[in-house]
PDB file of N, CA and C in Angstrom:
ATOM      1  N   UNK A   1      18.222  10.314  32.849  1.00  0.00           N
ATOM      2  CA  UNK A   1      17.455   9.423  32.007  1.00  0.00           C
ATOM      3  C   UNK A   1      16.842  10.179  30.831  1.00  0.00           C
ATOM      4  N   UNK A   2      16.279  11.364  31.132  1.00  0.00           N
ATOM      5  CA  UNK A   2      15.640  12.144  30.079  1.00  0.00           C
ATOM      6  C   UNK A   2      16.659  12.608  29.047  1.00  0.00           C
ATOM      7  N   UNK A   3      17.842  13.020  29.504  1.00  0.00           N
ATOM      8  CA  UNK A   3      18.855  13.481  28.554  1.00  0.00           C
ATOM      9  C   UNK A   3      19.361  12.318  27.705  1.00  0.00           C
ATOM     10  N   UNK A   4      19.407  11.127  28.300  1.00  0.00           N
ATOM     11  CA  UNK A   4      19.824   9.952  27.524  1.00  0.00           C
ATOM     12  C   UNK A   4      18.810   9.649  26.424  1.00  0.00           C
ATOM     13  N   UNK A   5      17.551   9.754  26.757  1.00  0.00           N
ATOM     14  CA  UNK A   5      16.487   9.528  25.775  1.00  0.00           C
ATOM     15  C   UNK A   5      16.548  10.571  24.670  1.00  0.00           C
ATOM     16  N   UNK A   6      16.765  11.817  25.042  1.00  0.00           N
ATOM     17  CA  UNK A   6      16.876  12.892  24.047  1.00  0.00           C
ATOM     18  C   UNK A   6      18.071  12.662  23.134  1.00  0.00           C
ATOM     19  N   UNK A   7      19.191  12.247  23.705  1.00  0.00           N
ATOM     20  CA  UNK A   7      20.381  11.988  22.890  1.00  0.00           C
ATOM     21  C   UNK A   7      20.110  10.871  21.891  1.00  0.00           C
ATOM     22  N   UNK A   8      19.451   9.818  22.349  1.00  0.00           N
ATOM     23  CA  UNK A   8      19.147   8.701  21.441  1.00  0.00           C
ATOM     24  C   UNK A   8      18.174   9.138  20.347  1.00  0.00           C
ATOM     25  N   UNK A   9      17.206   9.954  20.715  1.00  0.00           N
ATOM     26  CA  UNK A   9      16.235  10.436  19.734  1.00  0.00           C
ATOM     27  C   UNK A   9      16.906  11.307  18.683  1.00  0.00           C
ATOM     28  N   UNK A  10      17.750  12.244  19.108  1.00  0.00           N
ATOM     29  CA  UNK A  10      18.444  13.106  18.157  1.00  0.00           C
ATOM     30  C   UNK A  10      19.409  12.304  17.286  1.00  0.00           C
ATOM     31  N   UNK A  11      20.047  11.298  17.859  1.00  0.00           N
ATOM     32  CA  UNK A  11      20.946  10.447  17.076  1.00  0.00           C
ATOM     33  C   UNK A  11      20.155   9.701  16.000  1.00  0.00           C
ATOM     34  N   UNK A  12      18.984   9.187  16.373  1.00  0.00           N
ATOM     35  CA  UNK A  12      18.130   8.482  15.425  1.00  0.00           C
ATOM     36  C   UNK A  12      17.693   9.408  14.294  1.00  0.00           C
ATOM     37  N   UNK A  13      17.345  10.640  14.637  1.00  0.00           N
ATOM     38  CA  UNK A  13      16.891  11.591  13.623  1.00  0.00           C
ATOM     39  C   UNK A  13      18.028  12.044  12.709  1.00  0.00           C
ATOM     40  N   UNK A  14      19.248  12.107  13.237  1.00  0.00           N
ATOM     41  CA  UNK A  14      20.389  12.515  12.412  1.00  0.00           C
ATOM     42  C   UNK A  14      20.812  11.411  11.451  1.00  0.00           C
ATOM     43  N   UNK A  15      20.683  10.158  11.880  1.00  0.00           N
ATOM     44  CA  UNK A  15      21.062   9.050  11.015  1.00  0.00           C
ATOM     45  C   UNK A  15      20.079   8.943   9.860  1.00  0.00           C
ATOM     46  N   UNK A  16      20.504   8.313   8.822  1.00  0.00           N
ATOM     47  CA  UNK A  16      19.657   8.193   7.641  1.00  0.00           C
ATOM     48  C   UNK A  16      18.768   6.955   7.684  1.00  0.00           C
ATOM     49  N   UNK A  17      18.998   6.054   8.628  1.00  0.00           N
ATOM     50  CA  UNK A  17      18.216   4.827   8.682  1.00  0.00           C
ATOM     51  C   UNK A  17      16.748   5.094   9.017  1.00  0.00           C
ATOM     52  N   UNK A  18      16.499   5.992   9.954  1.00  0.00           N
ATOM     53  CA  UNK A  18      15.127   6.278  10.355  1.00  0.00           C
ATOM     54  C   UNK A  18      14.290   6.857   9.234  1.00  0.00           C
ATOM     55  N   UNK A  19      14.717   7.977   8.640  1.00  0.00           N
ATOM     56  CA  UNK A  19      13.930   8.546   7.536  1.00  0.00           C
ATOM     57  C   UNK A  19      13.819   7.600   6.340  1.00  0.00           C
ATOM     58  N   UNK A  20      14.862   6.836   6.073  1.00  0.00           N
ATOM     59  CA  UNK A  20      14.811   5.901   4.949  1.00  0.00           C
ATOM     60  C   UNK A  20      13.758   4.837   5.197  1.00  0.00           C
ATOM     61  N   UNK A  21      13.691   4.330   6.419  1.00  0.00           N
ATOM     62  CA  UNK A  21      12.685   3.321   6.747  1.00  0.00           C
ATOM     63  C   UNK A  21      11.281   3.895   6.596  1.00  0.00           C
ATOM     64  N   UNK A  22      11.095   5.135   6.994  1.00  0.00           N
ATOM     65  CA  UNK A  22       9.783   5.769   6.860  1.00  0.00           C
ATOM     66  C   UNK A  22       9.431   5.956   5.382  1.00  0.00           C
ATOM     67  N   UNK A  23      10.396   6.363   4.591  1.00  0.00           N
ATOM     68  CA  UNK A  23      10.148   6.537   3.151  1.00  0.00           C
ATOM     69  C   UNK A  23       9.766   5.212   2.503  1.00  0.00           C
ATOM     70  N   UNK A  24      10.470   4.137   2.857  1.00  0.00           N
ATOM     71  CA  UNK A  24      10.136   2.829   2.305  1.00  0.00           C
ATOM     72  C   UNK A  24       8.746   2.378   2.754  1.00  0.00           C
ATOM     73  N   UNK A  25       8.387   2.667   3.986  1.00  0.00           N
ATOM     74  CA  UNK A  25       7.059   2.295   4.471  1.00  0.00           C
ATOM     75  C   UNK A  25       5.970   3.048   3.715  1.00  0.00           C
ATOM     76  N   UNK A  26       6.204   4.327   3.442  1.00  0.00           N
ATOM     77  CA  UNK A  26       5.226   5.124   2.690  1.00  0.00           C
ATOM     78  C   UNK A  26       5.108   4.606   1.253  1.00  0.00           C
ATOM     79  N   UNK A  27       6.249   4.293   0.632  1.00  0.00           N
ATOM     80  CA  UNK A  27       6.208   3.742  -0.734  1.00  0.00           C
ATOM     81  C   UNK A  27       5.492   2.400  -0.760  1.00  0.00           C
ATOM     82  N   UNK A  28       5.754   1.551   0.230  1.00  0.00           N
ATOM     83  CA  UNK A  28       5.099   0.251   0.294  1.00  0.00           C
ATOM     84  C   UNK A  28       3.592   0.413   0.456  1.00  0.00           C
ATOM     85  N   UNK A  29       3.174   1.347   1.293  1.00  0.00           N
ATOM     86  CA  UNK A  29       1.743   1.601   1.482  1.00  0.00           C
ATOM     87  C   UNK A  29       1.103   2.107   0.186  1.00  0.00           C
ATOM     88  N   UNK A  30       1.801   2.981  -0.536  1.00  0.00           N
ATOM     89  CA  UNK A  30       1.261   3.504  -1.800  1.00  0.00           C
ATOM     90  C   UNK A  30       1.146   2.389  -2.840  1.00  0.00           C
ATOM     91  N   UNK A  31       2.148   1.534  -2.920  1.00  0.00           N
ATOM     92  CA  UNK A  31       2.100   0.408  -3.867  1.00  0.00           C
ATOM     93  C   UNK A  31       0.963  -0.537  -3.499  1.00  0.00           C
ATOM     94  N   UNK A  32       0.815  -0.811  -2.205  1.00  0.00           N
ATOM     95  CA  UNK A  32      -0.260  -1.688  -1.755  1.00  0.00           C
ATOM     96  C   UNK A  32      -1.630  -1.115  -2.126  1.00  0.00           C
ATOM     97  N   UNK A  33      -1.832   0.167  -1.895  1.00  0.00           N
ATOM     98  CA  UNK A  33      -3.113   0.794  -2.229  1.00  0.00           C
ATOM     99  C   UNK A  33      -3.377   0.772  -3.732  1.00  0.00           C
ATOM    100  N   UNK A  34      -2.331   0.985  -4.523  1.00  0.00           N
ATOM    101  CA  UNK A  34      -2.485   0.932  -5.977  1.00  0.00           C
ATOM    102  C   UNK A  34      -2.874  -0.476  -6.431  1.00  0.00           C
ATOM    103  N   UNK A  35      -2.251  -1.484  -5.828  1.00  0.00           N
ATOM    104  CA  UNK A  35      -2.579  -2.872  -6.177  1.00  0.00           C
ATOM    105  C   UNK A  35      -4.017  -3.209  -5.799  1.00  0.00           C
ATOM    106  N   UNK A  36      -4.421  -2.816  -4.616  1.00  0.00           N
ATOM    107  CA  UNK A  36      -5.782  -3.106  -4.167  1.00  0.00           C
ATOM    108  C   UNK A  36      -6.796  -2.415  -5.079  1.00  0.00           C
ATOM    109  N   UNK A  37      -6.526  -1.177  -5.437  1.00  0.00           N
ATOM    110  CA  UNK A  37      -7.457  -0.447  -6.312  1.00  0.00           C
ATOM    111  C   UNK A  37      -7.536  -1.087  -7.694  1.00  0.00           C
ATOM    112  N   UNK A  38      -6.388  -1.467  -8.254  1.00  0.00           N
ATOM    113  CA  UNK A  38      -6.404  -2.059  -9.594  1.00  0.00           C
ATOM    114  C   UNK A  38      -7.048  -3.432  -9.587  1.00  0.00           C
ATOM    115  N   UNK A  39      -6.794  -4.224  -8.558  1.00  0.00           N
ATOM    116  CA  UNK A  39      -7.413  -5.551  -8.478  1.00  0.00           C
ATOM    117  C   UNK A  39      -8.923  -5.406  -8.297  1.00  0.00           C
ATOM    118  N   UNK A  40      -9.330  -4.430  -7.504  1.00  0.00           N
ATOM    119  CA  UNK A  40     -10.762  -4.203  -7.313  1.00  0.00           C
ATOM    120  C   UNK A  40     -11.460  -3.808  -8.600  1.00  0.00           C
ATOM    121  N   UNK A  41     -10.867  -2.904  -9.346  1.00  0.00           N
ATOM    122  CA  UNK A  41     -11.500  -2.477 -10.598  1.00  0.00           C
ATOM    123  C   UNK A  41     -11.458  -3.583 -11.644  1.00  0.00           C
ATOM    124  N   UNK A  42     -10.392  -4.360 -11.663  1.00  0.00           N
ATOM    125  CA  UNK A  42     -10.299  -5.472 -12.602  1.00  0.00           C
ATOM    126  C   UNK A  42     -11.336  -6.540 -12.252  1.00  0.00           C
ATOM    127  N   UNK A  43     -11.550  -6.777 -10.959  1.00  0.00           N
ATOM    128  CA  UNK A  43     -12.555  -7.744 -10.536  1.00  0.00           C
ATOM    129  C   UNK A  43     -13.951  -7.319 -10.930  1.00  0.00           C
ATOM    130  N   UNK A  44     -14.236  -6.044 -10.800  1.00  0.00           N
ATOM    131  CA  UNK A  44     -15.549  -5.518 -11.197  1.00  0.00           C
ATOM    132  C   UNK A  44     -15.755  -5.678 -12.700  1.00  0.00           C
ATOM    133  N   UNK A  45     -14.733  -5.363 -13.478  1.00  0.00           N
ATOM    134  CA  UNK A  45     -14.835  -5.490 -14.938  1.00  0.00           C
ATOM    135  C   UNK A  45     -15.024  -6.953 -15.340  1.00  0.00           C
ATOM    136  N   UNK A  46     -14.293  -7.859 -14.702  1.00  0.00           N
ATOM    137  CA  UNK A  46     -14.449  -9.281 -15.025  1.00  0.00           C
ATOM    138  C   UNK A  46     -15.829  -9.787 -14.641  1.00  0.00           C
ATOM    139  N   UNK A  47     -16.332  -9.332 -13.516  1.00  0.00           N
ATOM    140  CA  UNK A  47     -17.665  -9.737 -13.094  1.00  0.00           C
ATOM    141  C   UNK A  47     -18.710  -9.299 -14.106  1.00  0.00           C
ATOM    142  N   UNK A  48     -18.619  -8.078 -14.598  1.00  0.00           N
ATOM    143  CA  UNK A  48     -19.555  -7.594 -15.617  1.00  0.00           C
ATOM    144  C   UNK A  48     -19.434  -8.397 -16.906  1.00  0.00           C
ATOM    145  N   UNK A  49     -18.194  -8.716 -17.277  1.00  0.00           N
ATOM    146  CA  UNK A  49     -17.978  -9.493 -18.504  1.00  0.00           C
ATOM    147  C   UNK A  49     -18.620 -10.872 -18.383  1.00  0.00           C
ATOM    148  N   UNK A  50     -18.420 -11.557 -17.250  1.00  0.00           N
ATOM    149  CA  UNK A  50     -19.009 -12.877 -17.063  1.00  0.00           C
ATOM    150  C   UNK A  50     -20.531 -12.810 -16.987  1.00  0.00           C
ATOM    151  N   UNK A  51     -21.065 -11.755 -16.385  1.00  0.00           N
ATOM    152  CA  UNK A  51     -22.524 -11.594 -16.364  1.00  0.00           C
ATOM    153  C   UNK A  51     -23.073 -11.415 -17.774  1.00  0.00           C
ATOM    154  N   UNK A  52     -22.383 -10.653 -18.612  1.00  0.00           N
ATOM    155  CA  UNK A  52     -22.826 -10.486 -20.011  1.00  0.00           C
ATOM    156  C   UNK A  52     -22.786 -11.808 -20.754  1.00  0.00           C
ATOM    157  N   UNK A  53     -21.730 -12.577 -20.543  1.00  0.00           N
ATOM    158  CA  UNK A  53     -21.623 -13.891 -21.209  1.00  0.00           C
ATOM    159  C   UNK A  53     -22.734 -14.814 -20.745  1.00  0.00           C
ATOM    160  N   UNK A  54     -23.007 -14.799 -19.446  1.00  0.00           N
ATOM    161  CA  UNK A  54     -24.066 -15.659 -18.892  1.00  0.00           C
ATOM    162  C   UNK A  54     -25.425 -15.283 -19.472  1.00  0.00           C
ATOM    163  N   UNK A  55     -25.695 -13.991 -19.639  1.00  0.00           N
ATOM    164  CA  UNK A  55     -26.983 -13.562 -20.179  1.00  0.00           C
ATOM    165  C   UNK A  55     -27.122 -13.923 -21.647  1.00  0.00           C
ATOM    166  N   UNK A  56     -26.030 -14.003 -22.384  1.00  0.00           N
ATOM    167  CA  UNK A  56     -26.093 -14.321 -23.805  1.00  0.00           C
ATOM    168  C   UNK A  56     -26.193 -15.813 -24.068  1.00  0.00           C
ATOM    169  N   UNK A  57     -25.912 -16.639 -23.077  1.00  0.00           N
ATOM    170  CA  UNK A  57     -25.977 -18.076 -23.266  1.00  0.00           C
ATOM    171  C   UNK A  57     -27.432 -18.519 -23.326  1.00  0.00           C
ATOM    172  N   UNK A  58     -27.728 -19.481 -24.187  1.00  0.00           N
ATOM    173  CA  UNK A  58     -29.116 -19.984 -24.254  1.00  0.00           C
ATOM    174  C   UNK A  58     -29.436 -20.799 -22.998  1.00  0.00           C
ATOM    175  N   UNK A  59     -30.694 -20.674 -22.581  1.00  0.00           N
ATOM    176  CA  UNK A  59     -31.095 -21.407 -21.367  1.00  0.00           C
ATOM    177  C   UNK A  59     -31.823 -22.656 -21.676  1.00  0.00           C
TER     178      UNK A  59
END
């Protein structure tokens, strides 16, 4: 059983599907983090802009 598991593991590591899937997962995570960071900073900037507009409006 152990040798069968080792054979399957080595076969998985030799094939290109495993590393490719990991690379795509890392790229997807990096893109997701970049999107979250940019949306967060854009939201902060928009919030400040709307606060400035609100303060300039006559009451």
